């Protein structure tokens, strides 16, 4: 039995960098205890609890398109729909069952995507 710790995703809209390049495909890893504890000491999170998801996602997204690094600046500049998508994915993969509703960006068809049961 192999534990799956990384999950690929495709953002609904994508991150648009300063040069105008669109980055949509990425990888998110499972969060560990440190990922959820360290952000609580971040002054931005202490000032505004809503910032917690920004710091969390910056810690667990290991790849986004051709970017060299995914940091809080990247996460802050995502489109709102992409931020909601990633927050939902974070919640799903860090629970026992990982199924999310996704929509095809080309045809708009909706379907559920199972990331697999964690630990299987």
PDB file of N, CA and C in Angstrom:
ATOM      1  N   UNK A   1       0.850  -1.182   0.000  1.00  0.00           N
ATOM      2  CA  UNK A   1       0.000   0.000   0.000  1.00  0.00           C
ATOM      3  C   UNK A   1       0.894   1.242   0.000  1.00  0.00           C
ATOM      4  N   UNK A   2       0.686   2.102  -0.963  1.00  0.00           N
ATOM      5  CA  UNK A   2       1.483   3.308  -1.111  1.00  0.00           C
ATOM      6  C   UNK A   2       0.647   4.532  -0.759  1.00  0.00           C
ATOM      7  N   UNK A   3       1.205   5.408   0.030  1.00  0.00           N
ATOM      8  CA  UNK A   3       0.521   6.640   0.408  1.00  0.00           C
ATOM      9  C   UNK A   3       0.752   7.692  -0.667  1.00  0.00           C
ATOM     10  N   UNK A   4      -0.325   8.211  -1.203  1.00  0.00           N
ATOM     11  CA  UNK A   4      -0.224   9.266  -2.211  1.00  0.00           C
ATOM     12  C   UNK A   4      -0.077  10.595  -1.491  1.00  0.00           C
ATOM     13  N   UNK A   5       0.989  11.338  -1.783  1.00  0.00           N
ATOM     14  CA  UNK A   5       1.247  12.599  -1.085  1.00  0.00           C
ATOM     15  C   UNK A   5       1.214  13.820  -1.991  1.00  0.00           C
ATOM     16  N   UNK A   6       1.150  13.630  -3.301  1.00  0.00           N
ATOM     17  CA  UNK A   6       1.106  14.752  -4.243  1.00  0.00           C
ATOM     18  C   UNK A   6      -0.059  14.583  -5.202  1.00  0.00           C
ATOM     19  N   UNK A   7      -0.715  15.702  -5.499  1.00  0.00           N
ATOM     20  CA  UNK A   7      -1.895  15.702  -6.347  1.00  0.00           C
ATOM     21  C   UNK A   7      -1.763  16.779  -7.415  1.00  0.00           C
ATOM     22  N   UNK A   8      -1.935  16.381  -8.660  1.00  0.00           N
ATOM     23  CA  UNK A   8      -1.878  17.343  -9.769  1.00  0.00           C
ATOM     24  C   UNK A   8      -3.211  18.079  -9.882  1.00  0.00           C
ATOM     25  N   UNK A   9      -3.150  19.290 -10.420  1.00  0.00           N
ATOM     26  CA  UNK A   9      -4.368  20.066 -10.646  1.00  0.00           C
ATOM     27  C   UNK A   9      -4.185  20.947 -11.868  1.00  0.00           C
ATOM     28  N   UNK A  10      -5.313  21.425 -12.381  1.00  0.00           N
ATOM     29  CA  UNK A  10      -5.344  22.425 -13.451  1.00  0.00           C
ATOM     30  C   UNK A  10      -6.278  23.528 -12.973  1.00  0.00           C
ATOM     31  N   UNK A  11      -5.751  24.729 -12.841  1.00  0.00           N
ATOM     32  CA  UNK A  11      -6.555  25.855 -12.374  1.00  0.00           C
ATOM     33  C   UNK A  11      -7.638  26.198 -13.386  1.00  0.00           C
ATOM     34  N   UNK A  12      -8.817  26.593 -12.917  1.00  0.00           N
ATOM     35  CA  UNK A  12      -9.894  26.985 -13.833  1.00  0.00           C
ATOM     36  C   UNK A  12      -9.496  28.143 -14.758  1.00  0.00           C
ATOM     37  N   UNK A  13      -8.800  29.142 -14.224  1.00  0.00           N
ATOM     38  CA  UNK A  13      -8.390  30.294 -15.029  1.00  0.00           C
ATOM     39  C   UNK A  13      -6.884  30.333 -15.221  1.00  0.00           C
ATOM     40  N   UNK A  14      -6.131  30.241 -14.149  1.00  0.00           N
ATOM     41  CA  UNK A  14      -4.673  30.245 -14.239  1.00  0.00           C
ATOM     42  C   UNK A  14      -4.059  31.513 -13.673  1.00  0.00           C
ATOM     43  N   UNK A  15      -2.818  31.387 -13.294  1.00  0.00           N
ATOM     44  CA  UNK A  15      -2.052  32.523 -12.756  1.00  0.00           C
ATOM     45  C   UNK A  15      -1.364  33.231 -13.917  1.00  0.00           C
ATOM     46  N   UNK A  16      -1.570  34.520 -14.023  1.00  0.00           N
ATOM     47  CA  UNK A  16      -0.970  35.335 -15.066  1.00  0.00           C
ATOM     48  C   UNK A  16       0.223  36.074 -14.471  1.00  0.00           C
ATOM     49  N   UNK A  17       1.434  35.734 -14.929  1.00  0.00           N
ATOM     50  CA  UNK A  17       2.626  36.372 -14.369  1.00  0.00           C
ATOM     51  C   UNK A  17       2.870  37.746 -14.996  1.00  0.00           C
ATOM     52  N   UNK A  18       3.900  38.432 -14.532  1.00  0.00           N
ATOM     53  CA  UNK A  18       4.201  39.805 -14.988  1.00  0.00           C
ATOM     54  C   UNK A  18       4.489  39.891 -16.478  1.00  0.00           C
ATOM     55  N   UNK A  19       5.005  38.811 -17.043  1.00  0.00           N
ATOM     56  CA  UNK A  19       5.328  38.797 -18.480  1.00  0.00           C
ATOM     57  C   UNK A  19       4.130  38.396 -19.337  1.00  0.00           C
ATOM     58  N   UNK A  20       3.011  38.113 -18.701  1.00  0.00           N
ATOM     59  CA  UNK A  20       1.809  37.739 -19.437  1.00  0.00           C
ATOM     60  C   UNK A  20       1.688  36.240 -19.693  1.00  0.00           C
ATOM     61  N   UNK A  21       2.538  35.418 -19.074  1.00  0.00           N
ATOM     62  CA  UNK A  21       2.464  33.972 -19.232  1.00  0.00           C
ATOM     63  C   UNK A  21       1.403  33.410 -18.293  1.00  0.00           C
ATOM     64  N   UNK A  22       0.628  32.478 -18.807  1.00  0.00           N
ATOM     65  CA  UNK A  22      -0.430  31.854 -18.033  1.00  0.00           C
ATOM     66  C   UNK A  22       0.057  30.515 -17.490  1.00  0.00           C
ATOM     67  N   UNK A  23      -0.107  30.297 -16.191  1.00  0.00           N
ATOM     68  CA  UNK A  23       0.321  29.068 -15.527  1.00  0.00           C
ATOM     69  C   UNK A  23      -0.916  28.406 -14.930  1.00  0.00           C
ATOM     70  N   UNK A  24      -1.258  27.198 -15.405  1.00  0.00           N
ATOM     71  CA  UNK A  24      -2.478  26.533 -14.943  1.00  0.00           C
ATOM     72  C   UNK A  24      -2.240  25.186 -14.283  1.00  0.00           C
ATOM     73  N   UNK A  25      -1.237  24.446 -14.736  1.00  0.00           N
ATOM     74  CA  UNK A  25      -1.007  23.102 -14.214  1.00  0.00           C
ATOM     75  C   UNK A  25      -0.063  23.156 -13.030  1.00  0.00           C
ATOM     76  N   UNK A  26      -0.413  22.412 -11.975  1.00  0.00           N
ATOM     77  CA  UNK A  26       0.420  22.433 -10.788  1.00  0.00           C
ATOM     78  C   UNK A  26       0.317  21.162  -9.984  1.00  0.00           C
ATOM     79  N   UNK A  27       1.008  21.182  -8.851  1.00  0.00           N
ATOM     80  CA  UNK A  27       1.028  20.049  -7.927  1.00  0.00           C
ATOM     81  C   UNK A  27       0.878  20.584  -6.509  1.00  0.00           C
ATOM     82  N   UNK A  28       0.006  19.923  -5.742  1.00  0.00           N
ATOM     83  CA  UNK A  28      -0.162  20.237  -4.330  1.00  0.00           C
ATOM     84  C   UNK A  28       0.178  18.983  -3.538  1.00  0.00           C
ATOM     85  N   UNK A  29       0.934  19.161  -2.465  1.00  0.00           N
ATOM     86  CA  UNK A  29       1.268  18.020  -1.609  1.00  0.00           C
ATOM     87  C   UNK A  29       0.390  18.042  -0.372  1.00  0.00           C
ATOM     88  N   UNK A  30       0.324  16.894   0.293  1.00  0.00           N
ATOM     89  CA  UNK A  30      -0.398  16.825   1.554  1.00  0.00           C
ATOM     90  C   UNK A  30       0.245  17.756   2.569  1.00  0.00           C
ATOM     91  N   UNK A  31      -0.554  18.342   3.402  1.00  0.00           N
ATOM     92  CA  UNK A  31      -0.044  19.203   4.466  1.00  0.00           C
ATOM     93  C   UNK A  31       0.428  18.344   5.636  1.00  0.00           C
ATOM     94  N   UNK A  32       1.448  18.839   6.317  1.00  0.00           N
ATOM     95  CA  UNK A  32       1.874  18.185   7.550  1.00  0.00           C
ATOM     96  C   UNK A  32       1.530  19.125   8.714  1.00  0.00           C
ATOM     97  N   UNK A  33       1.785  18.664   9.928  1.00  0.00           N
ATOM     98  CA  UNK A  33       1.441  19.469  11.107  1.00  0.00           C
ATOM     99  C   UNK A  33       2.136  20.823  11.079  1.00  0.00           C
ATOM    100  N   UNK A  34       3.398  20.845  10.669  1.00  0.00           N
ATOM    101  CA  UNK A  34       4.150  22.104  10.627  1.00  0.00           C
ATOM    102  C   UNK A  34       3.511  23.106   9.668  1.00  0.00           C
ATOM    103  N   UNK A  35       2.982  22.603   8.541  1.00  0.00           N
ATOM    104  CA  UNK A  35       2.327  23.488   7.578  1.00  0.00           C
ATOM    105  C   UNK A  35       1.140  24.220   8.189  1.00  0.00           C
ATOM    106  N   UNK A  36       0.472  23.599   9.131  1.00  0.00           N
ATOM    107  CA  UNK A  36      -0.700  24.224   9.735  1.00  0.00           C
ATOM    108  C   UNK A  36      -0.366  25.026  10.990  1.00  0.00           C
ATOM    109  N   UNK A  37       0.799  24.763  11.591  1.00  0.00           N
ATOM    110  CA  UNK A  37       1.199  25.473  12.809  1.00  0.00           C
ATOM    111  C   UNK A  37       1.998  26.738  12.506  1.00  0.00           C
ATOM    112  N   UNK A  38       2.982  26.641  11.617  1.00  0.00           N
ATOM    113  CA  UNK A  38       3.874  27.773  11.334  1.00  0.00           C
ATOM    114  C   UNK A  38       3.122  29.035  10.891  1.00  0.00           C
ATOM    115  N   UNK A  39       2.117  28.939  10.023  1.00  0.00           N
ATOM    116  CA  UNK A  39       1.425  30.165   9.607  1.00  0.00           C
ATOM    117  C   UNK A  39       0.768  30.938  10.750  1.00  0.00           C
ATOM    118  N   UNK A  40       0.463  30.255  11.842  1.00  0.00           N
ATOM    119  CA  UNK A  40      -0.178  30.941  12.969  1.00  0.00           C
ATOM    120  C   UNK A  40       0.741  31.967  13.620  1.00  0.00           C
ATOM    121  N   UNK A  41       2.043  31.825  13.395  1.00  0.00           N
ATOM    122  CA  UNK A  41       3.014  32.797  13.913  1.00  0.00           C
ATOM    123  C   UNK A  41       3.293  33.930  12.931  1.00  0.00           C
ATOM    124  N   UNK A  42       2.755  33.827  11.728  1.00  0.00           N
ATOM    125  CA  UNK A  42       2.950  34.844  10.699  1.00  0.00           C
ATOM    126  C   UNK A  42       2.144  36.093  11.075  1.00  0.00           C
ATOM    127  N   UNK A  43       2.780  37.244  11.107  1.00  0.00           N
ATOM    128  CA  UNK A  43       2.094  38.490  11.486  1.00  0.00           C
ATOM    129  C   UNK A  43       0.912  38.807  10.582  1.00  0.00           C
ATOM    130  N   UNK A  44       1.028  38.467   9.294  1.00  0.00           N
ATOM    131  CA  UNK A  44      -0.084  38.731   8.366  1.00  0.00           C
ATOM    132  C   UNK A  44      -1.317  37.925   8.765  1.00  0.00           C
ATOM    133  N   UNK A  45      -1.102  36.706   9.218  1.00  0.00           N
ATOM    134  CA  UNK A  45      -2.212  35.851   9.661  1.00  0.00           C
ATOM    135  C   UNK A  45      -2.764  36.355  10.988  1.00  0.00           C
ATOM    136  N   UNK A  46      -1.882  36.795  11.876  1.00  0.00           N
ATOM    137  CA  UNK A  46      -2.334  37.314  13.168  1.00  0.00           C
ATOM    138  C   UNK A  46      -3.173  38.571  13.005  1.00  0.00           C
ATOM    139  N   UNK A  47      -2.841  39.385  12.011  1.00  0.00           N
ATOM    140  CA  UNK A  47      -3.607  40.611  11.745  1.00  0.00           C
ATOM    141  C   UNK A  47      -4.924  40.328  11.025  1.00  0.00           C
ATOM    142  N   UNK A  48      -4.911  39.276  10.198  1.00  0.00           N
ATOM    143  CA  UNK A  48      -6.085  38.964   9.377  1.00  0.00           C
ATOM    144  C   UNK A  48      -6.153  37.452   9.164  1.00  0.00           C
ATOM    145  N   UNK A  49      -7.060  36.776   9.885  1.00  0.00           N
ATOM    146  CA  UNK A  49      -7.172  35.310   9.810  1.00  0.00           C
ATOM    147  C   UNK A  49      -7.448  34.817   8.389  1.00  0.00           C
ATOM    148  N   UNK A  50      -8.056  35.631   7.560  1.00  0.00           N
ATOM    149  CA  UNK A  50      -8.342  35.228   6.184  1.00  0.00           C
ATOM    150  C   UNK A  50      -7.062  34.971   5.398  1.00  0.00           C
ATOM    151  N   UNK A  51      -5.945  35.521   5.868  1.00  0.00           N
ATOM    152  CA  UNK A  51      -4.669  35.350   5.182  1.00  0.00           C
ATOM    153  C   UNK A  51      -4.081  33.947   5.398  1.00  0.00           C
ATOM    154  N   UNK A  52      -4.642  33.188   6.334  1.00  0.00           N
ATOM    155  CA  UNK A  52      -4.130  31.857   6.647  1.00  0.00           C
ATOM    156  C   UNK A  52      -4.076  30.965   5.412  1.00  0.00           C
ATOM    157  N   UNK A  53      -5.126  30.954   4.599  1.00  0.00           N
ATOM    158  CA  UNK A  53      -5.138  30.081   3.423  1.00  0.00           C
ATOM    159  C   UNK A  53      -4.056  30.484   2.424  1.00  0.00           C
ATOM    160  N   UNK A  54      -3.722  31.768   2.347  1.00  0.00           N
ATOM    161  CA  UNK A  54      -2.670  32.236   1.447  1.00  0.00           C
ATOM    162  C   UNK A  54      -1.334  31.602   1.855  1.00  0.00           C
ATOM    163  N   UNK A  55      -1.019  31.673   3.133  1.00  0.00           N
ATOM    164  CA  UNK A  55       0.245  31.120   3.627  1.00  0.00           C
ATOM    165  C   UNK A  55       0.249  29.600   3.500  1.00  0.00           C
ATOM    166  N   UNK A  56      -0.863  28.951   3.834  1.00  0.00           N
ATOM    167  CA  UNK A  56      -0.944  27.495   3.720  1.00  0.00           C
ATOM    168  C   UNK A  56      -0.715  27.028   2.290  1.00  0.00           C
ATOM    169  N   UNK A  57      -1.405  27.642   1.349  1.00  0.00           N
ATOM    170  CA  UNK A  57      -1.258  27.229  -0.048  1.00  0.00           C
ATOM    171  C   UNK A  57       0.158  27.467  -0.558  1.00  0.00           C
ATOM    172  N   UNK A  58       0.777  28.554  -0.154  1.00  0.00           N
ATOM    173  CA  UNK A  58       2.154  28.833  -0.572  1.00  0.00           C
ATOM    174  C   UNK A  58       3.111  27.757  -0.056  1.00  0.00           C
ATOM    175  N   UNK A  59       2.772  27.133   1.059  1.00  0.00           N
ATOM    176  CA  UNK A  59       3.619  26.077   1.633  1.00  0.00           C
ATOM    177  C   UNK A  59       3.416  24.735   0.935  1.00  0.00           C
ATOM    178  N   UNK A  60       2.183  24.434   0.498  1.00  0.00           N
ATOM    179  CA  UNK A  60       1.898  23.086  -0.004  1.00  0.00           C
ATOM    180  C   UNK A  60       1.844  22.966  -1.523  1.00  0.00           C
ATOM    181  N   UNK A  61       1.777  24.076  -2.248  1.00  0.00           N
ATOM    182  CA  UNK A  61       1.824  23.993  -3.708  1.00  0.00           C
ATOM    183  C   UNK A  61       3.289  23.942  -4.111  1.00  0.00           C
ATOM    184  N   UNK A  62       3.679  22.804  -4.671  1.00  0.00           N
ATOM    185  CA  UNK A  62       5.087  22.584  -4.991  1.00  0.00           C
ATOM    186  C   UNK A  62       5.441  22.984  -6.411  1.00  0.00           C
ATOM    187  N   UNK A  63       4.432  23.110  -7.264  1.00  0.00           N
ATOM    188  CA  UNK A  63       4.700  23.514  -8.646  1.00  0.00           C
ATOM    189  C   UNK A  63       3.473  24.197  -9.216  1.00  0.00           C
ATOM    190  N   UNK A  64       3.703  25.252  -9.983  1.00  0.00           N
ATOM    191  CA  UNK A  64       2.642  25.913 -10.738  1.00  0.00           C
ATOM    192  C   UNK A  64       3.228  26.359 -12.061  1.00  0.00           C
ATOM    193  N   UNK A  65       2.835  25.665 -13.108  1.00  0.00           N
ATOM    194  CA  UNK A  65       3.343  25.985 -14.437  1.00  0.00           C
ATOM    195  C   UNK A  65       4.854  25.974 -14.468  1.00  0.00           C
ATOM    196  N   UNK A  66       5.429  27.004 -15.099  1.00  0.00           N
ATOM    197  CA  UNK A  66       6.884  27.095 -15.240  1.00  0.00           C
ATOM    198  C   UNK A  66       7.516  28.014 -14.197  1.00  0.00           C
ATOM    199  N   UNK A  67       6.754  28.378 -13.159  1.00  0.00           N
ATOM    200  CA  UNK A  67       7.296  29.263 -12.132  1.00  0.00           C
ATOM    201  C   UNK A  67       8.426  28.580 -11.370  1.00  0.00           C
ATOM    202  N   UNK A  68       9.442  29.336 -11.010  1.00  0.00           N
ATOM    203  CA  UNK A  68      10.547  28.806 -10.210  1.00  0.00           C
ATOM    204  C   UNK A  68      10.136  28.594  -8.763  1.00  0.00           C
ATOM    205  N   UNK A  69       9.176  29.395  -8.289  1.00  0.00           N
ATOM    206  CA  UNK A  69       8.773  29.356  -6.894  1.00  0.00           C
ATOM    207  C   UNK A  69       7.309  29.742  -6.769  1.00  0.00           C
ATOM    208  N   UNK A  70       6.617  29.083  -5.852  1.00  0.00           N
ATOM    209  CA  UNK A  70       5.250  29.483  -5.516  1.00  0.00           C
ATOM    210  C   UNK A  70       5.319  30.057  -4.105  1.00  0.00           C
ATOM    211  N   UNK A  71       5.071  31.363  -3.997  1.00  0.00           N
ATOM    212  CA  UNK A  71       5.140  32.036  -2.695  1.00  0.00           C
ATOM    213  C   UNK A  71       3.823  32.773  -2.448  1.00  0.00           C
ATOM    214  N   UNK A  72       3.751  33.467  -1.320  1.00  0.00           N
ATOM    215  CA  UNK A  72       2.502  34.166  -0.987  1.00  0.00           C
ATOM    216  C   UNK A  72       2.142  35.226  -2.031  1.00  0.00           C
ATOM    217  N   UNK A  73       3.130  35.834  -2.656  1.00  0.00           N
ATOM    218  CA  UNK A  73       2.852  36.822  -3.700  1.00  0.00           C
ATOM    219  C   UNK A  73       2.109  36.212  -4.876  1.00  0.00           C
ATOM    220  N   UNK A  74       2.476  35.005  -5.248  1.00  0.00           N
ATOM    221  CA  UNK A  74       1.779  34.305  -6.333  1.00  0.00           C
ATOM    222  C   UNK A  74       0.347  33.998  -5.907  1.00  0.00           C
ATOM    223  N   UNK A  75       0.182  33.432  -4.724  1.00  0.00           N
ATOM    224  CA  UNK A  75      -1.150  33.055  -4.246  1.00  0.00           C
ATOM    225  C   UNK A  75      -2.047  34.289  -4.108  1.00  0.00           C
ATOM    226  N   UNK A  76      -1.495  35.407  -3.624  1.00  0.00           N
ATOM    227  CA  UNK A  76      -2.266  36.654  -3.491  1.00  0.00           C
ATOM    228  C   UNK A  76      -2.803  37.141  -4.822  1.00  0.00           C
ATOM    229  N   UNK A  77      -2.102  36.849  -5.899  1.00  0.00           N
ATOM    230  CA  UNK A  77      -2.483  37.363  -7.209  1.00  0.00           C
ATOM    231  C   UNK A  77      -3.245  36.367  -8.080  1.00  0.00           C
ATOM    232  N   UNK A  78      -3.680  35.265  -7.485  1.00  0.00           N
ATOM    233  CA  UNK A  78      -4.543  34.339  -8.212  1.00  0.00           C
ATOM    234  C   UNK A  78      -5.920  34.971  -8.400  1.00  0.00           C
ATOM    235  N   UNK A  79      -6.610  34.569  -9.435  1.00  0.00           N
ATOM    236  CA  UNK A  79      -8.001  34.980  -9.585  1.00  0.00           C
ATOM    237  C   UNK A  79      -8.799  34.335  -8.454  1.00  0.00           C
ATOM    238  N   UNK A  80      -9.856  34.991  -8.011  1.00  0.00           N
ATOM    239  CA  UNK A  80     -10.642  34.509  -6.878  1.00  0.00           C
ATOM    240  C   UNK A  80     -11.157  33.089  -7.105  1.00  0.00           C
ATOM    241  N   UNK A  81     -11.571  32.775  -8.327  1.00  0.00           N
ATOM    242  CA  UNK A  81     -12.080  31.423  -8.605  1.00  0.00           C
ATOM    243  C   UNK A  81     -10.976  30.377  -8.446  1.00  0.00           C
ATOM    244  N   UNK A  82      -9.756  30.712  -8.804  1.00  0.00           N
ATOM    245  CA  UNK A  82      -8.637  29.779  -8.638  1.00  0.00           C
ATOM    246  C   UNK A  82      -8.295  29.600  -7.160  1.00  0.00           C
ATOM    247  N   UNK A  83      -8.362  30.670  -6.393  1.00  0.00           N
ATOM    248  CA  UNK A  83      -8.105  30.576  -4.960  1.00  0.00           C
ATOM    249  C   UNK A  83      -9.141  29.667  -4.302  1.00  0.00           C
ATOM    250  N   UNK A  84     -10.416  29.842  -4.661  1.00  0.00           N
ATOM    251  CA  UNK A  84     -11.475  28.978  -4.112  1.00  0.00           C
ATOM    252  C   UNK A  84     -11.250  27.519  -4.510  1.00  0.00           C
ATOM    253  N   UNK A  85     -10.862  27.291  -5.762  1.00  0.00           N
ATOM    254  CA  UNK A  85     -10.576  25.937  -6.248  1.00  0.00           C
ATOM    255  C   UNK A  85      -9.464  25.292  -5.418  1.00  0.00           C
ATOM    256  N   UNK A  86      -8.375  26.021  -5.194  1.00  0.00           N
ATOM    257  CA  UNK A  86      -7.239  25.477  -4.443  1.00  0.00           C
ATOM    258  C   UNK A  86      -7.574  25.268  -2.974  1.00  0.00           C
ATOM    259  N   UNK A  87      -8.366  26.164  -2.401  1.00  0.00           N
ATOM    260  CA  UNK A  87      -8.774  25.999  -1.006  1.00  0.00           C
ATOM    261  C   UNK A  87      -9.615  24.738  -0.850  1.00  0.00           C
ATOM    262  N   UNK A  88     -10.538  24.527  -1.782  1.00  0.00           N
ATOM    263  CA  UNK A  88     -11.373  23.322  -1.751  1.00  0.00           C
ATOM    264  C   UNK A  88     -10.509  22.077  -1.948  1.00  0.00           C
ATOM    265  N   UNK A  89      -9.575  22.131  -2.856  1.00  0.00           N
ATOM    266  CA  UNK A  89      -8.685  20.987  -3.076  1.00  0.00           C
ATOM    267  C   UNK A  89      -7.862  20.689  -1.824  1.00  0.00           C
ATOM    268  N   UNK A  90      -7.332  21.733  -1.194  1.00  0.00           N
ATOM    269  CA  UNK A  90      -6.559  21.568   0.042  1.00  0.00           C
ATOM    270  C   UNK A  90      -7.398  20.839   1.090  1.00  0.00           C
ATOM    271  N   UNK A  91      -8.627  21.299   1.271  1.00  0.00           N
ATOM    272  CA  UNK A  91      -9.510  20.680   2.259  1.00  0.00           C
ATOM    273  C   UNK A  91      -9.805  19.230   1.908  1.00  0.00           C
ATOM    274  N   UNK A  92     -10.048  18.960   0.649  1.00  0.00           N
ATOM    275  CA  UNK A  92     -10.398  17.600   0.222  1.00  0.00           C
ATOM    276  C   UNK A  92      -9.227  16.627   0.349  1.00  0.00           C
ATOM    277  N   UNK A  93      -8.048  16.998  -0.101  1.00  0.00           N
ATOM    278  CA  UNK A  93      -6.950  16.026  -0.068  1.00  0.00           C
ATOM    279  C   UNK A  93      -6.420  15.798   1.335  1.00  0.00           C
ATOM    280  N   UNK A  94      -6.707  16.722   2.235  1.00  0.00           N
ATOM    281  CA  UNK A  94      -6.258  16.553   3.613  1.00  0.00           C
ATOM    282  C   UNK A  94      -7.333  15.929   4.498  1.00  0.00           C
ATOM    283  N   UNK A  95      -8.425  15.486   3.894  1.00  0.00           N
ATOM    284  CA  UNK A  95      -9.450  14.705   4.567  1.00  0.00           C
ATOM    285  C   UNK A  95      -9.291  13.262   4.109  1.00  0.00           C
ATOM    286  N   UNK A  96     -10.157  12.368   4.613  1.00  0.00           N
ATOM    287  CA  UNK A  96     -10.068  10.955   4.247  1.00  0.00           C
ATOM    288  C   UNK A  96     -10.417  10.686   2.795  1.00  0.00           C
ATOM    289  N   UNK A  97     -11.425  11.371   2.279  1.00  0.00           N
ATOM    290  CA  UNK A  97     -11.827  11.165   0.899  1.00  0.00           C
ATOM    291  C   UNK A  97     -11.556  12.427   0.120  1.00  0.00           C
ATOM    292  N   UNK A  98     -11.033  12.260  -1.095  1.00  0.00           N
ATOM    293  CA  UNK A  98     -10.646  13.418  -1.886  1.00  0.00           C
ATOM    294  C   UNK A  98     -11.379  13.411  -3.229  1.00  0.00           C
ATOM    295  N   UNK A  99     -12.584  13.977  -3.240  1.00  0.00           N
ATOM    296  CA  UNK A  99     -13.361  14.109  -4.464  1.00  0.00           C
ATOM    297  C   UNK A  99     -13.767  15.574  -4.577  1.00  0.00           C
ATOM    298  N   UNK A 100     -13.525  16.174  -5.728  1.00  0.00           N
ATOM    299  CA  UNK A 100     -13.925  17.559  -5.934  1.00  0.00           C
ATOM    300  C   UNK A 100     -14.717  17.677  -7.220  1.00  0.00           C
ATOM    301  N   UNK A 101     -15.592  18.664  -7.263  1.00  0.00           N
ATOM    302  CA  UNK A 101     -16.313  18.967  -8.493  1.00  0.00           C
ATOM    303  C   UNK A 101     -15.432  19.868  -9.337  1.00  0.00           C
ATOM    304  N   UNK A 102     -15.302  19.524 -10.599  1.00  0.00           N
ATOM    305  CA  UNK A 102     -14.520  20.339 -11.518  1.00  0.00           C
ATOM    306  C   UNK A 102     -15.328  20.584 -12.767  1.00  0.00           C
ATOM    307  N   UNK A 103     -14.957  21.616 -13.500  1.00  0.00           N
ATOM    308  CA  UNK A 103     -15.607  21.934 -14.769  1.00  0.00           C
ATOM    309  C   UNK A 103     -14.573  21.999 -15.861  1.00  0.00           C
ATOM    310  N   UNK A 104     -14.920  21.480 -17.004  1.00  0.00           N
ATOM    311  CA  UNK A 104     -14.035  21.544 -18.161  1.00  0.00           C
ATOM    312  C   UNK A 104     -13.957  22.999 -18.615  1.00  0.00           C
ATOM    313  N   UNK A 105     -12.737  23.567 -18.710  1.00  0.00           N
ATOM    314  CA  UNK A 105     -12.626  24.966 -19.113  1.00  0.00           C
ATOM    315  C   UNK A 105     -13.016  25.204 -20.575  1.00  0.00           C
ATOM    316  N   UNK A 106     -13.042  24.143 -21.379  1.00  0.00           N
ATOM    317  CA  UNK A 106     -13.365  24.310 -22.792  1.00  0.00           C
ATOM    318  C   UNK A 106     -14.852  24.164 -23.080  1.00  0.00           C
ATOM    319  N   UNK A 107     -15.480  23.087 -22.532  1.00  0.00           N
ATOM    320  CA  UNK A 107     -16.884  22.849 -22.851  1.00  0.00           C
ATOM    321  C   UNK A 107     -17.826  23.197 -21.704  1.00  0.00           C
ATOM    322  N   UNK A 108     -17.283  23.391 -20.495  1.00  0.00           N
ATOM    323  CA  UNK A 108     -18.096  23.765 -19.349  1.00  0.00           C
ATOM    324  C   UNK A 108     -18.777  22.604 -18.647  1.00  0.00           C
ATOM    325  N   UNK A 109     -18.577  21.366 -19.129  1.00  0.00           N
ATOM    326  CA  UNK A 109     -19.185  20.200 -18.487  1.00  0.00           C
ATOM    327  C   UNK A 109     -18.640  20.039 -17.070  1.00  0.00           C
ATOM    328  N   UNK A 110     -19.543  19.712 -16.130  1.00  0.00           N
ATOM    329  CA  UNK A 110     -19.139  19.505 -14.738  1.00  0.00           C
ATOM    330  C   UNK A 110     -19.077  18.019 -14.445  1.00  0.00           C
ATOM    331  N   UNK A 111     -18.112  17.646 -13.627  1.00  0.00           N
ATOM    332  CA  UNK A 111     -17.981  16.257 -13.206  1.00  0.00           C
ATOM    333  C   UNK A 111     -17.167  16.213 -11.922  1.00  0.00           C
ATOM    334  N   UNK A 112     -17.196  15.055 -11.259  1.00  0.00           N
ATOM    335  CA  UNK A 112     -16.419  14.894 -10.048  1.00  0.00           C
ATOM    336  C   UNK A 112     -15.118  14.198 -10.375  1.00  0.00           C
ATOM    337  N   UNK A 113     -14.071  14.652  -9.728  1.00  0.00           N
ATOM    338  CA  UNK A 113     -12.738  14.068  -9.929  1.00  0.00           C
ATOM    339  C   UNK A 113     -12.291  13.499  -8.590  1.00  0.00           C
ATOM    340  N   UNK A 114     -11.995  12.210  -8.562  1.00  0.00           N
ATOM    341  CA  UNK A 114     -11.544  11.580  -7.331  1.00  0.00           C
ATOM    342  C   UNK A 114     -10.026  11.560  -7.323  1.00  0.00           C
ATOM    343  N   UNK A 115      -9.456  12.091  -6.274  1.00  0.00           N
ATOM    344  CA  UNK A 115      -8.010  12.097  -6.121  1.00  0.00           C
ATOM    345  C   UNK A 115      -7.541  10.808  -5.471  1.00  0.00           C
ATOM    346  N   UNK A 116      -8.459   9.993  -5.001  1.00  0.00           N
ATOM    347  CA  UNK A 116      -8.122   8.728  -4.335  1.00  0.00           C
ATOM    348  C   UNK A 116      -8.219   8.867  -2.838  1.00  0.00           C
ATOM    349  N   UNK A 117      -8.524   7.764  -2.172  1.00  0.00           N
ATOM    350  CA  UNK A 117      -8.561   7.767  -0.700  1.00  0.00           C
ATOM    351  C   UNK A 117      -7.143   7.856  -0.187  1.00  0.00           C
ATOM    352  N   UNK A 118      -6.920   8.723   0.757  1.00  0.00           N
ATOM    353  CA  UNK A 118      -5.595   8.867   1.322  1.00  0.00           C
ATOM    354  C   UNK A 118      -5.236   7.593   2.073  1.00  0.00           C
ATOM    355  N   UNK A 119      -4.010   7.140   1.898  1.00  0.00           N
ATOM    356  CA  UNK A 119      -3.538   5.938   2.556  1.00  0.00           C
ATOM    357  C   UNK A 119      -3.725   4.680   1.732  1.00  0.00           C
ATOM    358  N   UNK A 120      -4.428   4.766   0.606  1.00  0.00           N
ATOM    359  CA  UNK A 120      -4.597   3.592  -0.253  1.00  0.00           C
ATOM    360  C   UNK A 120      -3.545   3.567  -1.331  1.00  0.00           C
TER     361      UNK A 120
END
